[in-house]
Amino acid sequence: MCLAIPGKILNIEGNSAIVDFDGIKQKVIVALIQNPEVGKFVIVHAGYAIEQMDEKDALEAIEQWKELADEQNLDLSDVL
């Protein structure tokens, strides 16, 4: 099963970026997407940004992930 989580790019250095997943910050490779920009949302799978996405859709998806985590008595960090 593949899980892809949306996050917001905080800064970019070369082919990697720090991405914020609702307060959880992780280093992510952004080499697979065109023109990554600070402030944009990306979908991340296995440490790689695989697609950019609209902010509204990203925020909705993050809320859905949080609801799923709550239903399973998990923290969002448990699914990242």
PDB file of N, CA and C in Angstrom:
ATOM      1  N   MET A   1       0.841  -1.167   0.000  1.00  0.00           N
ATOM      2  CA  MET A   1       0.000   0.000   0.000  1.00  0.00           C
ATOM      3  C   MET A   1       0.889   1.232   0.000  1.00  0.00           C
ATOM      4  N   CYS A   2       0.511   2.227  -0.760  1.00  0.00           N
ATOM      5  CA  CYS A   2       1.264   3.477  -0.836  1.00  0.00           C
ATOM      6  C   CYS A   2       0.527   4.570  -0.082  1.00  0.00           C
ATOM      7  N   LEU A   3       1.251   5.299   0.726  1.00  0.00           N
ATOM      8  CA  LEU A   3       0.710   6.462   1.404  1.00  0.00           C
ATOM      9  C   LEU A   3       1.454   7.684   0.915  1.00  0.00           C
ATOM     10  N   ALA A   4       0.717   8.689   0.517  1.00  0.00           N
ATOM     11  CA  ALA A   4       1.314   9.943   0.091  1.00  0.00           C
ATOM     12  C   ALA A   4       0.690  11.051   0.925  1.00  0.00           C
ATOM     13  N   ILE A   5       1.506  11.792   1.621  1.00  0.00           N
ATOM     14  CA  ILE A   5       1.058  12.797   2.570  1.00  0.00           C
ATOM     15  C   ILE A   5       1.398  14.194   2.046  1.00  0.00           C
ATOM     16  N   PRO A   6       0.454  15.144   2.082  1.00  0.00           N
ATOM     17  CA  PRO A   6       0.770  16.508   1.657  1.00  0.00           C
ATOM     18  C   PRO A   6       1.492  17.287   2.752  1.00  0.00           C
ATOM     19  N   GLY A   7       2.398  18.151   2.325  1.00  0.00           N
ATOM     20  CA  GLY A   7       3.117  19.025   3.243  1.00  0.00           C
ATOM     21  C   GLY A   7       3.515  20.303   2.537  1.00  0.00           C
ATOM     22  N   LYS A   8       3.895  21.304   3.316  1.00  0.00           N
ATOM     23  CA  LYS A   8       4.257  22.617   2.790  1.00  0.00           C
ATOM     24  C   LYS A   8       5.769  22.797   2.816  1.00  0.00           C
ATOM     25  N   ILE A   9       6.331  23.221   1.704  1.00  0.00           N
ATOM     26  CA  ILE A   9       7.774  23.451   1.602  1.00  0.00           C
ATOM     27  C   ILE A   9       8.142  24.697   2.404  1.00  0.00           C
ATOM     28  N   LEU A  10       9.058  24.529   3.359  1.00  0.00           N
ATOM     29  CA  LEU A  10       9.515  25.645   4.185  1.00  0.00           C
ATOM     30  C   LEU A  10      10.786  26.279   3.647  1.00  0.00           C
ATOM     31  N   ASN A  11      11.717  25.456   3.187  1.00  0.00           N
ATOM     32  CA  ASN A  11      12.928  25.970   2.543  1.00  0.00           C
ATOM     33  C   ASN A  11      13.490  24.899   1.627  1.00  0.00           C
ATOM     34  N   ILE A  12      14.285  25.361   0.679  1.00  0.00           N
ATOM     35  CA  ILE A  12      14.865  24.459  -0.326  1.00  0.00           C
ATOM     36  C   ILE A  12      16.365  24.683  -0.355  1.00  0.00           C
ATOM     37  N   GLU A  13      17.096  23.561  -0.392  1.00  0.00           N
ATOM     38  CA  GLU A  13      18.544  23.627  -0.521  1.00  0.00           C
ATOM     39  C   GLU A  13      18.955  22.535  -1.501  1.00  0.00           C
ATOM     40  N   GLY A  14      19.302  22.945  -2.703  1.00  0.00           N
ATOM     41  CA  GLY A  14      19.658  21.974  -3.735  1.00  0.00           C
ATOM     42  C   GLY A  14      18.452  21.140  -4.127  1.00  0.00           C
ATOM     43  N   ASN A  15      18.607  19.813  -4.082  1.00  0.00           N
ATOM     44  CA  ASN A  15      17.518  18.900  -4.436  1.00  0.00           C
ATOM     45  C   ASN A  15      16.701  18.442  -3.237  1.00  0.00           C
ATOM     46  N   SER A  16      16.910  19.063  -2.087  1.00  0.00           N
ATOM     47  CA  SER A  16      16.131  18.678  -0.916  1.00  0.00           C
ATOM     48  C   SER A  16      15.450  19.900  -0.310  1.00  0.00           C
ATOM     49  N   ALA A  17      14.460  19.626   0.508  1.00  0.00           N
ATOM     50  CA  ALA A  17      13.702  20.697   1.150  1.00  0.00           C
ATOM     51  C   ALA A  17      13.265  20.235   2.529  1.00  0.00           C
ATOM     52  N   ILE A  18      12.981  21.209   3.385  1.00  0.00           N
ATOM     53  CA  ILE A  18      12.328  20.920   4.649  1.00  0.00           C
ATOM     54  C   ILE A  18      10.840  21.150   4.396  1.00  0.00           C
ATOM     55  N   VAL A  19      10.054  20.107   4.683  1.00  0.00           N
ATOM     56  CA  VAL A  19       8.617  20.147   4.441  1.00  0.00           C
ATOM     57  C   VAL A  19       7.899  20.003   5.772  1.00  0.00           C
ATOM     58  N   ASP A  20       6.882  20.850   5.966  1.00  0.00           N
ATOM     59  CA  ASP A  20       6.087  20.853   7.190  1.00  0.00           C
ATOM     60  C   ASP A  20       4.804  20.063   6.964  1.00  0.00           C
ATOM     61  N   PHE A  21       4.651  18.994   7.750  1.00  0.00           N
ATOM     62  CA  PHE A  21       3.451  18.165   7.726  1.00  0.00           C
ATOM     63  C   PHE A  21       2.653  18.480   8.990  1.00  0.00           C
ATOM     64  N   ASP A  22       1.911  19.575   8.965  1.00  0.00           N
ATOM     65  CA  ASP A  22       1.094  19.988  10.111  1.00  0.00           C
ATOM     66  C   ASP A  22       1.912  20.023  11.399  1.00  0.00           C
ATOM     67  N   GLY A  23       3.066  20.665  11.346  1.00  0.00           N
ATOM     68  CA  GLY A  23       3.918  20.821  12.521  1.00  0.00           C
ATOM     69  C   GLY A  23       5.061  19.834  12.627  1.00  0.00           C
ATOM     70  N   ILE A  24       5.034  18.800  11.820  1.00  0.00           N
ATOM     71  CA  ILE A  24       6.115  17.812  11.795  1.00  0.00           C
ATOM     72  C   ILE A  24       6.994  18.146  10.595  1.00  0.00           C
ATOM     73  N   LYS A  25       8.240  18.462  10.849  1.00  0.00           N
ATOM     74  CA  LYS A  25       9.139  18.883   9.766  1.00  0.00           C
ATOM     75  C   LYS A  25      10.095  17.758   9.411  1.00  0.00           C
ATOM     76  N   GLN A  26      10.203  17.501   8.101  1.00  0.00           N
ATOM     77  CA  GLN A  26      11.106  16.452   7.633  1.00  0.00           C
ATOM     78  C   GLN A  26      11.824  16.908   6.368  1.00  0.00           C
ATOM     79  N   LYS A  27      13.010  16.332   6.183  1.00  0.00           N
ATOM     80  CA  LYS A  27      13.776  16.578   4.973  1.00  0.00           C
ATOM     81  C   LYS A  27      13.222  15.684   3.868  1.00  0.00           C
ATOM     82  N   VAL A  28      12.998  16.278   2.692  1.00  0.00           N
ATOM     83  CA  VAL A  28      12.370  15.599   1.567  1.00  0.00           C
ATOM     84  C   VAL A  28      13.164  15.909   0.292  1.00  0.00           C
ATOM     85  N   ILE A  29      13.278  14.931  -0.591  1.00  0.00           N
ATOM     86  CA  ILE A  29      13.906  15.157  -1.891  1.00  0.00           C
ATOM     87  C   ILE A  29      12.865  15.776  -2.833  1.00  0.00           C
ATOM     88  N   VAL A  30      13.216  16.882  -3.474  1.00  0.00           N
ATOM     89  CA  VAL A  30      12.287  17.565  -4.375  1.00  0.00           C
ATOM     90  C   VAL A  30      12.731  17.498  -5.837  1.00  0.00           C
ATOM     91  N   ALA A  31      13.690  16.639  -6.128  1.00  0.00           N
ATOM     92  CA  ALA A  31      14.254  16.551  -7.480  1.00  0.00           C
ATOM     93  C   ALA A  31      13.264  16.026  -8.523  1.00  0.00           C
ATOM     94  N   LEU A  32      12.191  15.372  -8.086  1.00  0.00           N
ATOM     95  CA  LEU A  32      11.253  14.770  -9.034  1.00  0.00           C
ATOM     96  C   LEU A  32      10.159  15.720  -9.498  1.00  0.00           C
ATOM     97  N   ILE A  33      10.065  16.902  -8.905  1.00  0.00           N
ATOM     98  CA  ILE A  33       9.034  17.848  -9.325  1.00  0.00           C
ATOM     99  C   ILE A  33       9.668  19.069  -9.975  1.00  0.00           C
ATOM    100  N   GLN A  34       8.909  19.683 -10.880  1.00  0.00           N
ATOM    101  CA  GLN A  34       9.410  20.866 -11.579  1.00  0.00           C
ATOM    102  C   GLN A  34       9.163  22.110 -10.742  1.00  0.00           C
ATOM    103  N   ASN A  35      10.154  22.947 -10.665  1.00  0.00           N
ATOM    104  CA  ASN A  35      10.056  24.254 -10.024  1.00  0.00           C
ATOM    105  C   ASN A  35       9.468  24.234  -8.617  1.00  0.00           C
ATOM    106  N   PRO A  36      10.052  23.460  -7.717  1.00  0.00           N
ATOM    107  CA  PRO A  36       9.545  23.509  -6.344  1.00  0.00           C
ATOM    108  C   PRO A  36       9.770  24.907  -5.767  1.00  0.00           C
ATOM    109  N   GLU A  37       8.803  25.394  -4.985  1.00  0.00           N
ATOM    110  CA  GLU A  37       8.896  26.733  -4.415  1.00  0.00           C
ATOM    111  C   GLU A  37       8.532  26.710  -2.943  1.00  0.00           C
ATOM    112  N   VAL A  38       9.223  27.537  -2.176  1.00  0.00           N
ATOM    113  CA  VAL A  38       8.887  27.713  -0.765  1.00  0.00           C
ATOM    114  C   VAL A  38       7.447  28.206  -0.679  1.00  0.00           C
ATOM    115  N   GLY A  39       6.691  27.608   0.236  1.00  0.00           N
ATOM    116  CA  GLY A  39       5.305  27.998   0.429  1.00  0.00           C
ATOM    117  C   GLY A  39       4.308  27.148  -0.338  1.00  0.00           C
ATOM    118  N   LYS A  40       4.794  26.363  -1.296  1.00  0.00           N
ATOM    119  CA  LYS A  40       3.914  25.488  -2.080  1.00  0.00           C
ATOM    120  C   LYS A  40       3.728  24.159  -1.359  1.00  0.00           C
ATOM    121  N   PHE A  41       2.624  23.498  -1.649  1.00  0.00           N
ATOM    122  CA  PHE A  41       2.339  22.188  -1.074  1.00  0.00           C
ATOM    123  C   PHE A  41       2.731  21.088  -2.049  1.00  0.00           C
ATOM    124  N   VAL A  42       3.261  20.011  -1.498  1.00  0.00           N
ATOM    125  CA  VAL A  42       3.654  18.857  -2.304  1.00  0.00           C
ATOM    126  C   VAL A  42       3.124  17.585  -1.645  1.00  0.00           C
ATOM    127  N   ILE A  43       2.925  16.567  -2.459  1.00  0.00           N
ATOM    128  CA  ILE A  43       2.588  15.247  -1.948  1.00  0.00           C
ATOM    129  C   ILE A  43       3.896  14.486  -1.827  1.00  0.00           C
ATOM    130  N   VAL A  44       4.115  13.882  -0.671  1.00  0.00           N
ATOM    131  CA  VAL A  44       5.383  13.201  -0.389  1.00  0.00           C
ATOM    132  C   VAL A  44       5.126  11.717  -0.151  1.00  0.00           C
ATOM    133  N   HIS A  45       5.919  10.905  -0.817  1.00  0.00           N
ATOM    134  CA  HIS A  45       5.876   9.452  -0.622  1.00  0.00           C
ATOM    135  C   HIS A  45       7.301   8.951  -0.474  1.00  0.00           C
ATOM    136  N   ALA A  46       7.558   8.209   0.578  1.00  0.00           N
ATOM    137  CA  ALA A  46       8.861   7.586   0.826  1.00  0.00           C
ATOM    138  C   ALA A  46      10.011   8.591   0.772  1.00  0.00           C
ATOM    139  N   GLY A  47       9.756   9.807   1.284  1.00  0.00           N
ATOM    140  CA  GLY A  47      10.805  10.811   1.347  1.00  0.00           C
ATOM    141  C   GLY A  47      11.014  11.618   0.091  1.00  0.00           C
ATOM    142  N   TYR A  48      10.177  11.404  -0.931  1.00  0.00           N
ATOM    143  CA  TYR A  48      10.279  12.131  -2.195  1.00  0.00           C
ATOM    144  C   TYR A  48       9.001  12.920  -2.461  1.00  0.00           C
ATOM    145  N   ALA A  49       9.150  14.193  -2.810  1.00  0.00           N
ATOM    146  CA  ALA A  49       8.005  14.966  -3.278  1.00  0.00           C
ATOM    147  C   ALA A  49       7.694  14.462  -4.681  1.00  0.00           C
ATOM    148  N   ILE A  50       6.464  14.002  -4.882  1.00  0.00           N
ATOM    149  CA  ILE A  50       6.119  13.397  -6.171  1.00  0.00           C
ATOM    150  C   ILE A  50       5.163  14.247  -6.986  1.00  0.00           C
ATOM    151  N   GLU A  51       4.561  15.272  -6.353  1.00  0.00           N
ATOM    152  CA  GLU A  51       3.617  16.116  -7.081  1.00  0.00           C
ATOM    153  C   GLU A  51       3.337  17.365  -6.261  1.00  0.00           C
ATOM    154  N   GLN A  52       3.133  18.480  -6.953  1.00  0.00           N
ATOM    155  CA  GLN A  52       2.685  19.690  -6.279  1.00  0.00           C
ATOM    156  C   GLN A  52       1.165  19.676  -6.241  1.00  0.00           C
ATOM    157  N   MET A  53       0.589  20.332  -5.231  1.00  0.00           N
ATOM    158  CA  MET A  53      -0.867  20.356  -5.158  1.00  0.00           C
ATOM    159  C   MET A  53      -1.359  21.700  -4.660  1.00  0.00           C
ATOM    160  N   ASP A  54      -2.611  21.950  -4.943  1.00  0.00           N
ATOM    161  CA  ASP A  54      -3.297  23.171  -4.554  1.00  0.00           C
ATOM    162  C   ASP A  54      -3.395  23.243  -3.023  1.00  0.00           C
ATOM    163  N   GLU A  55      -3.237  24.429  -2.454  1.00  0.00           N
ATOM    164  CA  GLU A  55      -3.258  24.596  -0.998  1.00  0.00           C
ATOM    165  C   GLU A  55      -4.583  24.127  -0.392  1.00  0.00           C
ATOM    166  N   LYS A  56      -5.689  24.484  -0.999  1.00  0.00           N
ATOM    167  CA  LYS A  56      -7.008  24.085  -0.472  1.00  0.00           C
ATOM    168  C   LYS A  56      -7.119  22.565  -0.393  1.00  0.00           C
ATOM    169  N   ASP A  57      -6.734  21.890  -1.466  1.00  0.00           N
ATOM    170  CA  ASP A  57      -6.792  20.429  -1.487  1.00  0.00           C
ATOM    171  C   ASP A  57      -5.828  19.822  -0.470  1.00  0.00           C
ATOM    172  N   ALA A  58      -4.657  20.433  -0.339  1.00  0.00           N
ATOM    173  CA  ALA A  58      -3.666  19.928   0.617  1.00  0.00           C
ATOM    174  C   ALA A  58      -4.186  20.037   2.045  1.00  0.00           C
ATOM    175  N   LEU A  59      -4.768  21.178   2.393  1.00  0.00           N
ATOM    176  CA  LEU A  59      -5.277  21.367   3.749  1.00  0.00           C
ATOM    177  C   LEU A  59      -6.428  20.409   4.048  1.00  0.00           C
ATOM    178  N   GLU A  60      -7.282  20.154   3.057  1.00  0.00           N
ATOM    179  CA  GLU A  60      -8.363  19.179   3.232  1.00  0.00           C
ATOM    180  C   GLU A  60      -7.793  17.774   3.457  1.00  0.00           C
ATOM    181  N   ALA A  61      -6.780  17.418   2.683  1.00  0.00           N
ATOM    182  CA  ALA A  61      -6.167  16.092   2.824  1.00  0.00           C
ATOM    183  C   ALA A  61      -5.495  15.942   4.184  1.00  0.00           C
ATOM    184  N   ILE A  62      -4.844  16.987   4.656  1.00  0.00           N
ATOM    185  CA  ILE A  62      -4.196  16.941   5.973  1.00  0.00           C
ATOM    186  C   ILE A  62      -5.246  16.711   7.060  1.00  0.00           C
ATOM    187  N   GLU A  63      -6.379  17.384   6.954  1.00  0.00           N
ATOM    188  CA  GLU A  63      -7.453  17.186   7.933  1.00  0.00           C
ATOM    189  C   GLU A  63      -7.963  15.749   7.898  1.00  0.00           C
ATOM    190  N   GLN A  64      -8.086  15.180   6.699  1.00  0.00           N
ATOM    191  CA  GLN A  64      -8.520  13.788   6.580  1.00  0.00           C
ATOM    192  C   GLN A  64      -7.506  12.842   7.223  1.00  0.00           C
ATOM    193  N   TRP A  65      -6.213  13.090   7.022  1.00  0.00           N
ATOM    194  CA  TRP A  65      -5.173  12.266   7.643  1.00  0.00           C
ATOM    195  C   TRP A  65      -5.256  12.364   9.162  1.00  0.00           C
ATOM    196  N   LYS A  66      -5.488  13.585   9.672  1.00  0.00           N
ATOM    197  CA  LYS A  66      -5.599  13.773  11.115  1.00  0.00           C
ATOM    198  C   LYS A  66      -6.808  13.018  11.674  1.00  0.00           C
ATOM    199  N   GLU A  67      -7.926  13.044  10.954  1.00  0.00           N
ATOM    200  CA  GLU A  67      -9.116  12.316  11.388  1.00  0.00           C
ATOM    201  C   GLU A  67      -8.848  10.811  11.425  1.00  0.00           C
ATOM    202  N   LEU A  68      -8.194  10.297  10.382  1.00  0.00           N
ATOM    203  CA  LEU A  68      -7.861   8.872  10.358  1.00  0.00           C
ATOM    204  C   LEU A  68      -6.938   8.488  11.509  1.00  0.00           C
ATOM    205  N   ALA A  69      -5.952   9.328  11.753  1.00  0.00           N
ATOM    206  CA  ALA A  69      -5.024   9.057  12.852  1.00  0.00           C
ATOM    207  C   ALA A  69      -5.776   9.065  14.184  1.00  0.00           C
ATOM    208  N   ASP A  70      -6.675  10.032  14.374  1.00  0.00           N
ATOM    209  CA  ASP A  70      -7.459  10.103  15.613  1.00  0.00           C
ATOM    210  C   ASP A  70      -8.318   8.861  15.798  1.00  0.00           C
ATOM    211  N   GLU A  71      -8.941   8.399  14.718  1.00  0.00           N
ATOM    212  CA  GLU A  71      -9.797   7.211  14.795  1.00  0.00           C
ATOM    213  C   GLU A  71      -9.008   5.974  15.227  1.00  0.00           C
ATOM    214  N   GLN A  72      -7.737   5.936  14.878  1.00  0.00           N
ATOM    215  CA  GLN A  72      -6.886   4.802  15.213  1.00  0.00           C
ATOM    216  C   GLN A  72      -6.051   5.047  16.471  1.00  0.00           C
ATOM    217  N   ASN A  73      -6.346   6.143  17.164  1.00  0.00           N
ATOM    218  CA  ASN A  73      -5.604   6.527  18.362  1.00  0.00           C
ATOM    219  C   ASN A  73      -4.112   6.695  18.082  1.00  0.00           C
ATOM    220  N   LEU A  74      -3.814   7.296  16.939  1.00  0.00           N
ATOM    221  CA  LEU A  74      -2.425   7.550  16.547  1.00  0.00           C
ATOM    222  C   LEU A  74      -2.197   9.041  16.475  1.00  0.00           C
ATOM    223  N   ASP A  75      -0.948   9.425  16.520  1.00  0.00           N
ATOM    224  CA  ASP A  75      -0.539  10.798  16.269  1.00  0.00           C
ATOM    225  C   ASP A  75      -0.233  10.878  14.773  1.00  0.00           C
ATOM    226  N   LEU A  76      -0.392  12.055  14.188  1.00  0.00           N
ATOM    227  CA  LEU A  76      -0.088  12.200  12.759  1.00  0.00           C
ATOM    228  C   LEU A  76       1.333  11.756  12.448  1.00  0.00           C
ATOM    229  N   SER A  77       2.262  11.949  13.381  1.00  0.00           N
ATOM    230  CA  SER A  77       3.656  11.531  13.167  1.00  0.00           C
ATOM    231  C   SER A  77       3.774  10.020  13.013  1.00  0.00           C
ATOM    232  N   ASP A  78       2.820   9.256  13.519  1.00  0.00           N
ATOM    233  CA  ASP A  78       2.851   7.797  13.394  1.00  0.00           C
ATOM    234  C   ASP A  78       2.611   7.329  11.965  1.00  0.00           C
ATOM    235  N   VAL A  79       1.961   8.158  11.147  1.00  0.00           N
ATOM    236  CA  VAL A  79       1.675   7.751   9.768  1.00  0.00           C
ATOM    237  C   VAL A  79       2.653   8.340   8.763  1.00  0.00           C
ATOM    238  N   LEU A  80       3.563   9.169   9.240  1.00  0.00           N
ATOM    239  CA  LEU A  80       4.556   9.758   8.322  1.00  0.00           C
ATOM    240  C   LEU A  80       5.736   8.835   8.134  1.00  0.00           C
TER     241      LEU A  80
END
